[in-house]
């Protein structure tokens, strides 16, 4: 019998301690147009039971990191081009000071001091920061038009003060919206389960010759 090895740890599998599950793999596939494209295929892979648990945790963290990086890029681009009104395509980037002020929001401080700001529970998520930037845009646009800034740092601090004044309000609104969405999802799931249970338990069987004689049966 061919030996099987765990997809995660690479060690040999025992029949009593293995589980097969579907795993998405990035690959290159040929499209209908004949050209090759990056894509994903679903394949079966075998794991030790404990290794599958670890594998799922690693993949969940990778997805969370990927989403966090995407959210941070959206924050960066919006702050640069929409909030500060730097034209798209220019060679201008955010200063180190501006970067640290933005990342400071992520860790709940005036400025961030370390480089590890990803997936922390304290401070504000990049999603919240992005929504707050959009919510504050009318005020930041007005500030850029009416305030005489002493220097770049003064401008960044002024803009950030507007964002900070709004961010708790924005976070509260987002949290309320998330709670409402979770309640809706829960109700939909409960309703689907109830309908599924009813369809399994209740069947009509026509008995005898009478047109209205029906009994409930399992």
C-alpha atoms as a PDB file:
ATOM      1  CA  UNK A   1       0.000   0.000   0.000  1.00  0.00           C
ATOM      2  CA  UNK A   2       1.328   3.422  -0.969  1.00  0.00           C
ATOM      3  CA  UNK A   3       2.358   5.541   1.959  1.00  0.00           C
ATOM      4  CA  UNK A   4       0.518   8.817   2.455  1.00  0.00           C
ATOM      5  CA  UNK A   5       1.981  11.951   3.948  1.00  0.00           C
ATOM      6  CA  UNK A   6       0.396  14.919   5.704  1.00  0.00           C
ATOM      7  CA  UNK A   7      -0.021  17.949   3.445  1.00  0.00           C
ATOM      8  CA  UNK A   8       0.872  20.287   6.326  1.00  0.00           C
ATOM      9  CA  UNK A   9       3.744  18.682   8.244  1.00  0.00           C
ATOM     10  CA  UNK A  10       4.982  16.227   5.611  1.00  0.00           C
ATOM     11  CA  UNK A  11       5.113  13.295   8.012  1.00  0.00           C
ATOM     12  CA  UNK A  12       3.646   9.873   7.302  1.00  0.00           C
ATOM     13  CA  UNK A  13      -0.060   9.417   7.949  1.00  0.00           C
ATOM     14  CA  UNK A  14      -1.722   6.723   9.994  1.00  0.00           C
ATOM     15  CA  UNK A  15      -5.145   5.550   8.794  1.00  0.00           C
ATOM     16  CA  UNK A  16      -6.525   6.107  12.289  1.00  0.00           C
ATOM     17  CA  UNK A  17      -5.316   9.712  12.370  1.00  0.00           C
ATOM     18  CA  UNK A  18      -6.073  11.316   9.044  1.00  0.00           C
ATOM     19  CA  UNK A  19      -8.711  13.490   7.468  1.00  0.00           C
ATOM     20  CA  UNK A  20      -9.247  14.491   3.851  1.00  0.00           C
ATOM     21  CA  UNK A  21     -10.425  18.002   3.060  1.00  0.00           C
ATOM     22  CA  UNK A  22     -10.636  20.325   0.077  1.00  0.00           C
ATOM     23  CA  UNK A  23      -7.850  22.884  -0.255  1.00  0.00           C
ATOM     24  CA  UNK A  24      -7.731  25.863  -2.675  1.00  0.00           C
ATOM     25  CA  UNK A  25      -4.465  26.065  -4.621  1.00  0.00           C
ATOM     26  CA  UNK A  26      -3.233  29.011  -6.663  1.00  0.00           C
ATOM     27  CA  UNK A  27      -2.259  27.917 -10.139  1.00  0.00           C
ATOM     28  CA  UNK A  28      -2.107  28.978 -13.778  1.00  0.00           C
ATOM     29  CA  UNK A  29      -5.094  27.927 -15.854  1.00  0.00           C
ATOM     30  CA  UNK A  30      -5.900  28.251 -19.531  1.00  0.00           C
ATOM     31  CA  UNK A  31      -8.902  30.444 -20.181  1.00  0.00           C
ATOM     32  CA  UNK A  32     -11.536  30.219 -22.909  1.00  0.00           C
ATOM     33  CA  UNK A  33      -9.577  32.827 -24.857  1.00  0.00           C
ATOM     34  CA  UNK A  34      -6.612  30.454 -25.004  1.00  0.00           C
ATOM     35  CA  UNK A  35      -4.454  32.616 -22.755  1.00  0.00           C
ATOM     36  CA  UNK A  36      -3.092  31.537 -19.400  1.00  0.00           C
ATOM     37  CA  UNK A  37      -4.362  33.269 -16.279  1.00  0.00           C
ATOM     38  CA  UNK A  38      -3.778  33.024 -12.570  1.00  0.00           C
ATOM     39  CA  UNK A  39      -6.559  31.067 -10.946  1.00  0.00           C
ATOM     40  CA  UNK A  40      -7.543  28.764  -8.115  1.00  0.00           C
ATOM     41  CA  UNK A  41      -8.339  25.061  -8.201  1.00  0.00           C
ATOM     42  CA  UNK A  42      -9.865  22.975  -5.412  1.00  0.00           C
ATOM     43  CA  UNK A  43      -8.060  19.720  -4.637  1.00  0.00           C
ATOM     44  CA  UNK A  44      -8.332  17.053  -1.945  1.00  0.00           C
ATOM     45  CA  UNK A  45      -5.482  16.925   0.553  1.00  0.00           C
ATOM     46  CA  UNK A  46      -4.893  14.629   3.522  1.00  0.00           C
ATOM     47  CA  UNK A  47      -3.872  15.831   6.990  1.00  0.00           C
ATOM     48  CA  UNK A  48      -3.323  14.631  10.510  1.00  0.00           C
ATOM     49  CA  UNK A  49      -6.321  15.789  12.554  1.00  0.00           C
ATOM     50  CA  UNK A  50      -4.218  18.211  14.621  1.00  0.00           C
ATOM     51  CA  UNK A  51      -2.347  19.427  11.547  1.00  0.00           C
ATOM     52  CA  UNK A  52      -5.626  20.326   9.854  1.00  0.00           C
ATOM     53  CA  UNK A  53      -6.540  22.531  12.821  1.00  0.00           C
ATOM     54  CA  UNK A  54      -3.151  24.287  12.596  1.00  0.00           C
ATOM     55  CA  UNK A  55      -3.437  24.588   8.805  1.00  0.00           C
ATOM     56  CA  UNK A  56      -6.845  26.274   9.064  1.00  0.00           C
ATOM     57  CA  UNK A  57      -5.517  28.744  11.667  1.00  0.00           C
ATOM     58  CA  UNK A  58      -2.554  29.636   9.429  1.00  0.00           C
ATOM     59  CA  UNK A  59      -4.799  30.158   6.403  1.00  0.00           C
ATOM     60  CA  UNK A  60      -7.210  32.300   8.407  1.00  0.00           C
ATOM     61  CA  UNK A  61      -4.325  34.497   9.567  1.00  0.00           C
ATOM     62  CA  UNK A  62      -3.016  34.782   5.993  1.00  0.00           C
ATOM     63  CA  UNK A  63      -6.447  35.893   4.790  1.00  0.00           C
ATOM     64  CA  UNK A  64      -6.716  38.386   7.651  1.00  0.00           C
ATOM     65  CA  UNK A  65      -3.254  39.790   6.884  1.00  0.00           C
ATOM     66  CA  UNK A  66      -4.118  40.014   3.190  1.00  0.00           C
ATOM     67  CA  UNK A  67      -7.309  41.934   3.962  1.00  0.00           C
ATOM     68  CA  UNK A  68      -5.461  44.211   6.381  1.00  0.00           C
ATOM     69  CA  UNK A  69      -2.819  45.031   3.767  1.00  0.00           C
ATOM     70  CA  UNK A  70      -5.530  45.761   1.219  1.00  0.00           C
ATOM     71  CA  UNK A  71      -7.341  48.038   3.687  1.00  0.00           C
ATOM     72  CA  UNK A  72      -4.107  49.869   4.516  1.00  0.00           C
ATOM     73  CA  UNK A  73      -3.393  50.470   0.820  1.00  0.00           C
ATOM     74  CA  UNK A  74      -6.899  51.921   0.420  1.00  0.00           C
ATOM     75  CA  UNK A  75      -6.301  54.232   3.417  1.00  0.00           C
ATOM     76  CA  UNK A  76      -2.934  55.360   2.014  1.00  0.00           C
ATOM     77  CA  UNK A  77      -4.295  56.090  -1.469  1.00  0.00           C
ATOM     78  CA  UNK A  78      -7.367  57.935  -0.196  1.00  0.00           C
ATOM     79  CA  UNK A  79      -5.395  60.080   2.261  1.00  0.00           C
ATOM     80  CA  UNK A  80      -2.821  60.972  -0.389  1.00  0.00           C
ATOM     81  CA  UNK A  81      -5.070  61.645  -3.373  1.00  0.00           C
ATOM     82  CA  UNK A  82      -8.449  62.552  -1.849  1.00  0.00           C
ATOM     83  CA  UNK A  83      -7.706  64.062   1.554  1.00  0.00           C
ATOM     84  CA  UNK A  84      -4.455  65.850   0.656  1.00  0.00           C
ATOM     85  CA  UNK A  85      -5.518  66.237  -3.004  1.00  0.00           C
ATOM     86  CA  UNK A  86      -2.200  65.093  -4.471  1.00  0.00           C
ATOM     87  CA  UNK A  87      -2.838  64.376  -8.186  1.00  0.00           C
ATOM     88  CA  UNK A  88      -2.902  60.711  -9.185  1.00  0.00           C
ATOM     89  CA  UNK A  89       0.193  59.833 -11.198  1.00  0.00           C
ATOM     90  CA  UNK A  90       2.435  62.362  -9.487  1.00  0.00           C
ATOM     91  CA  UNK A  91       5.710  61.255  -7.947  1.00  0.00           C
ATOM     92  CA  UNK A  92       4.710  62.604  -4.537  1.00  0.00           C
ATOM     93  CA  UNK A  93       4.282  60.215  -1.626  1.00  0.00           C
ATOM     94  CA  UNK A  94       3.201  60.562   1.989  1.00  0.00           C
ATOM     95  CA  UNK A  95       5.915  61.838   4.277  1.00  0.00           C
ATOM     96  CA  UNK A  96       7.190  59.655   7.089  1.00  0.00           C
ATOM     97  CA  UNK A  97       5.448  61.969   9.552  1.00  0.00           C
ATOM     98  CA  UNK A  98       2.091  61.608   7.763  1.00  0.00           C
ATOM     99  CA  UNK A  99       2.529  57.831   7.629  1.00  0.00           C
ATOM    100  CA  UNK A 100       3.232  57.640  11.351  1.00  0.00           C
ATOM    101  CA  UNK A 101       0.200  59.794  12.162  1.00  0.00           C
ATOM    102  CA  UNK A 102      -2.064  57.505  10.128  1.00  0.00           C
ATOM    103  CA  UNK A 103      -0.550  54.351  11.598  1.00  0.00           C
ATOM    104  CA  UNK A 104      -0.888  55.940  15.024  1.00  0.00           C
ATOM    105  CA  UNK A 105      -4.663  55.728  14.595  1.00  0.00           C
ATOM    106  CA  UNK A 106      -4.288  52.003  13.947  1.00  0.00           C
ATOM    107  CA  UNK A 107      -2.574  51.446  17.307  1.00  0.00           C
ATOM    108  CA  UNK A 108      -4.570  54.060  19.209  1.00  0.00           C
ATOM    109  CA  UNK A 109      -1.701  56.498  19.702  1.00  0.00           C
ATOM    110  CA  UNK A 110      -0.646  59.922  18.431  1.00  0.00           C
ATOM    111  CA  UNK A 111       2.054  58.249  16.328  1.00  0.00           C
ATOM    112  CA  UNK A 112       3.062  54.642  15.898  1.00  0.00           C
ATOM    113  CA  UNK A 113       6.594  53.783  17.017  1.00  0.00           C
ATOM    114  CA  UNK A 114       6.980  50.178  15.879  1.00  0.00           C
ATOM    115  CA  UNK A 115       6.485  48.572  12.488  1.00  0.00           C
ATOM    116  CA  UNK A 116       4.007  45.901  13.579  1.00  0.00           C
ATOM    117  CA  UNK A 117       0.606  47.537  13.246  1.00  0.00           C
ATOM    118  CA  UNK A 118      -1.216  44.670  11.546  1.00  0.00           C
ATOM    119  CA  UNK A 119      -4.134  42.767  13.056  1.00  0.00           C
ATOM    120  CA  UNK A 120      -3.973  44.470  16.442  1.00  0.00           C
ATOM    121  CA  UNK A 121      -7.151  44.728  18.490  1.00  0.00           C
ATOM    122  CA  UNK A 122      -6.353  48.111  20.016  1.00  0.00           C
ATOM    123  CA  UNK A 123      -6.873  51.389  18.199  1.00  0.00           C
ATOM    124  CA  UNK A 124      -8.983  51.592  15.039  1.00  0.00           C
ATOM    125  CA  UNK A 125      -9.107  49.210  12.101  1.00  0.00           C
ATOM    126  CA  UNK A 126      -7.993  50.444   8.691  1.00  0.00           C
ATOM    127  CA  UNK A 127     -11.567  49.920   7.532  1.00  0.00           C
ATOM    128  CA  UNK A 128     -12.782  52.357  10.214  1.00  0.00           C
ATOM    129  CA  UNK A 129     -10.026  54.835   9.335  1.00  0.00           C
ATOM    130  CA  UNK A 130     -10.951  54.709   5.638  1.00  0.00           C
ATOM    131  CA  UNK A 131     -14.641  55.307   6.317  1.00  0.00           C
ATOM    132  CA  UNK A 132     -13.710  58.178   8.628  1.00  0.00           C
ATOM    133  CA  UNK A 133     -11.525  59.753   5.930  1.00  0.00           C
ATOM    134  CA  UNK A 134     -14.493  59.656   3.564  1.00  0.00           C
ATOM    135  CA  UNK A 135     -16.874  60.965   6.220  1.00  0.00           C
ATOM    136  CA  UNK A 136     -14.478  63.833   7.055  1.00  0.00           C
ATOM    137  CA  UNK A 137     -13.683  64.829   3.476  1.00  0.00           C
ATOM    138  CA  UNK A 138     -15.976  67.847   3.335  1.00  0.00           C
ATOM    139  CA  UNK A 139     -14.321  69.283   6.463  1.00  0.00           C
ATOM    140  CA  UNK A 140     -10.777  68.479   5.302  1.00  0.00           C
ATOM    141  CA  UNK A 141     -11.465  70.016   1.874  1.00  0.00           C
ATOM    142  CA  UNK A 142     -12.665  73.201   3.556  1.00  0.00           C
ATOM    143  CA  UNK A 143      -9.566  73.272   5.755  1.00  0.00           C
ATOM    144  CA  UNK A 144      -7.260  73.004   2.747  1.00  0.00           C
ATOM    145  CA  UNK A 145      -9.089  75.928   1.127  1.00  0.00           C
ATOM    146  CA  UNK A 146      -9.319  78.267   4.115  1.00  0.00           C
ATOM    147  CA  UNK A 147      -6.495  77.579   6.586  1.00  0.00           C
ATOM    148  CA  UNK A 148      -3.018  79.089   6.136  1.00  0.00           C
ATOM    149  CA  UNK A 149      -0.706  76.306   7.225  1.00  0.00           C
ATOM    150  CA  UNK A 150       2.699  77.170   8.630  1.00  0.00           C
ATOM    151  CA  UNK A 151       4.308  74.058   7.153  1.00  0.00           C
ATOM    152  CA  UNK A 152       3.563  70.492   6.046  1.00  0.00           C
ATOM    153  CA  UNK A 153       3.553  69.147   9.593  1.00  0.00           C
ATOM    154  CA  UNK A 154       1.031  71.793  10.654  1.00  0.00           C
ATOM    155  CA  UNK A 155      -1.212  70.766   7.751  1.00  0.00           C
ATOM    156  CA  UNK A 156      -1.017  67.048   8.620  1.00  0.00           C
ATOM    157  CA  UNK A 157      -1.752  67.716  12.299  1.00  0.00           C
ATOM    158  CA  UNK A 158      -4.718  69.941  11.426  1.00  0.00           C
ATOM    159  CA  UNK A 159      -6.170  67.349   9.054  1.00  0.00           C
ATOM    160  CA  UNK A 160      -5.619  64.577  11.591  1.00  0.00           C
ATOM    161  CA  UNK A 161      -7.391  66.594  14.294  1.00  0.00           C
ATOM    162  CA  UNK A 162     -10.501  66.643  12.081  1.00  0.00           C
ATOM    163  CA  UNK A 163     -10.298  62.896  11.516  1.00  0.00           C
ATOM    164  CA  UNK A 164      -9.749  62.153  15.203  1.00  0.00           C
ATOM    165  CA  UNK A 165     -12.765  64.269  16.144  1.00  0.00           C
ATOM    166  CA  UNK A 166     -14.972  62.051  13.960  1.00  0.00           C
ATOM    167  CA  UNK A 167     -13.486  58.599  14.318  1.00  0.00           C
ATOM    168  CA  UNK A 168     -15.265  57.466  17.495  1.00  0.00           C
ATOM    169  CA  UNK A 169     -18.596  58.430  15.948  1.00  0.00           C
ATOM    170  CA  UNK A 170     -17.738  56.524  12.765  1.00  0.00           C
ATOM    171  CA  UNK A 171     -16.578  53.466  14.683  1.00  0.00           C
ATOM    172  CA  UNK A 172     -19.786  53.404  16.730  1.00  0.00           C
ATOM    173  CA  UNK A 173     -21.870  53.581  13.542  1.00  0.00           C
ATOM    174  CA  UNK A 174     -19.877  50.764  11.918  1.00  0.00           C
ATOM    175  CA  UNK A 175     -20.137  48.568  15.001  1.00  0.00           C
ATOM    176  CA  UNK A 176     -23.891  49.148  15.142  1.00  0.00           C
ATOM    177  CA  UNK A 177     -24.171  48.272  11.455  1.00  0.00           C
ATOM    178  CA  UNK A 178     -22.097  45.105  11.954  1.00  0.00           C
ATOM    179  CA  UNK A 179     -24.285  44.022  14.875  1.00  0.00           C
ATOM    180  CA  UNK A 180     -27.399  44.598  12.793  1.00  0.00           C
ATOM    181  CA  UNK A 181     -25.961  42.588   9.890  1.00  0.00           C
ATOM    182  CA  UNK A 182     -25.074  39.731  12.241  1.00  0.00           C
ATOM    183  CA  UNK A 183     -28.625  39.719  13.603  1.00  0.00           C
ATOM    184  CA  UNK A 184     -30.032  39.643  10.075  1.00  0.00           C
ATOM    185  CA  UNK A 185     -27.698  36.788   9.101  1.00  0.00           C
ATOM    186  CA  UNK A 186     -28.691  34.881  12.239  1.00  0.00           C
ATOM    187  CA  UNK A 187     -32.401  35.333  11.508  1.00  0.00           C
ATOM    188  CA  UNK A 188     -31.917  34.207   7.913  1.00  0.00           C
ATOM    189  CA  UNK A 189     -30.025  31.126   9.069  1.00  0.00           C
ATOM    190  CA  UNK A 190     -32.664  30.288  11.682  1.00  0.00           C
ATOM    191  CA  UNK A 191     -35.425  30.744   9.118  1.00  0.00           C
ATOM    192  CA  UNK A 192     -33.616  28.500   6.615  1.00  0.00           C
ATOM    193  CA  UNK A 193     -33.079  25.828   9.280  1.00  0.00           C
ATOM    194  CA  UNK A 194     -36.724  26.030  10.327  1.00  0.00           C
ATOM    195  CA  UNK A 195     -37.942  25.631   6.748  1.00  0.00           C
ATOM    196  CA  UNK A 196     -35.534  22.743   6.180  1.00  0.00           C
ATOM    197  CA  UNK A 197     -36.718  21.004   9.346  1.00  0.00           C
ATOM    198  CA  UNK A 198     -40.369  21.517   8.436  1.00  0.00           C
ATOM    199  CA  UNK A 199     -39.900  20.113   4.939  1.00  0.00           C
ATOM    200  CA  UNK A 200     -38.265  16.994   6.381  1.00  0.00           C
ATOM    201  CA  UNK A 201     -40.774  16.369   9.170  1.00  0.00           C
ATOM    202  CA  UNK A 202     -44.071  17.204   7.480  1.00  0.00           C
ATOM    203  CA  UNK A 203     -45.248  15.182   4.523  1.00  0.00           C
ATOM    204  CA  UNK A 204     -48.739  14.812   3.183  1.00  0.00           C
ATOM    205  CA  UNK A 205     -49.932  11.318   2.251  1.00  0.00           C
ATOM    206  CA  UNK A 206     -53.236  10.907   0.466  1.00  0.00           C
ATOM    207  CA  UNK A 207     -55.172   8.067   2.104  1.00  0.00           C
ATOM    208  CA  UNK A 208     -58.401   6.509   0.942  1.00  0.00           C
ATOM    209  CA  UNK A 209     -60.658   7.921  -1.726  1.00  0.00           C
ATOM    210  CA  UNK A 210     -61.766  11.085   0.047  1.00  0.00           C
ATOM    211  CA  UNK A 211     -60.531  14.304  -1.494  1.00  0.00           C
ATOM    212  CA  UNK A 212     -59.763  15.946   1.885  1.00  0.00           C
ATOM    213  CA  UNK A 213     -58.383  13.047   3.893  1.00  0.00           C
ATOM    214  CA  UNK A 214     -54.725  13.765   4.633  1.00  0.00           C
ATOM    215  CA  UNK A 215     -52.587  12.659   7.541  1.00  0.00           C
ATOM    216  CA  UNK A 216     -49.243  13.953   8.868  1.00  0.00           C
ATOM    217  CA  UNK A 217     -46.609  11.259   8.665  1.00  0.00           C
ATOM    218  CA  UNK A 218     -42.884  11.110   9.317  1.00  0.00           C
END
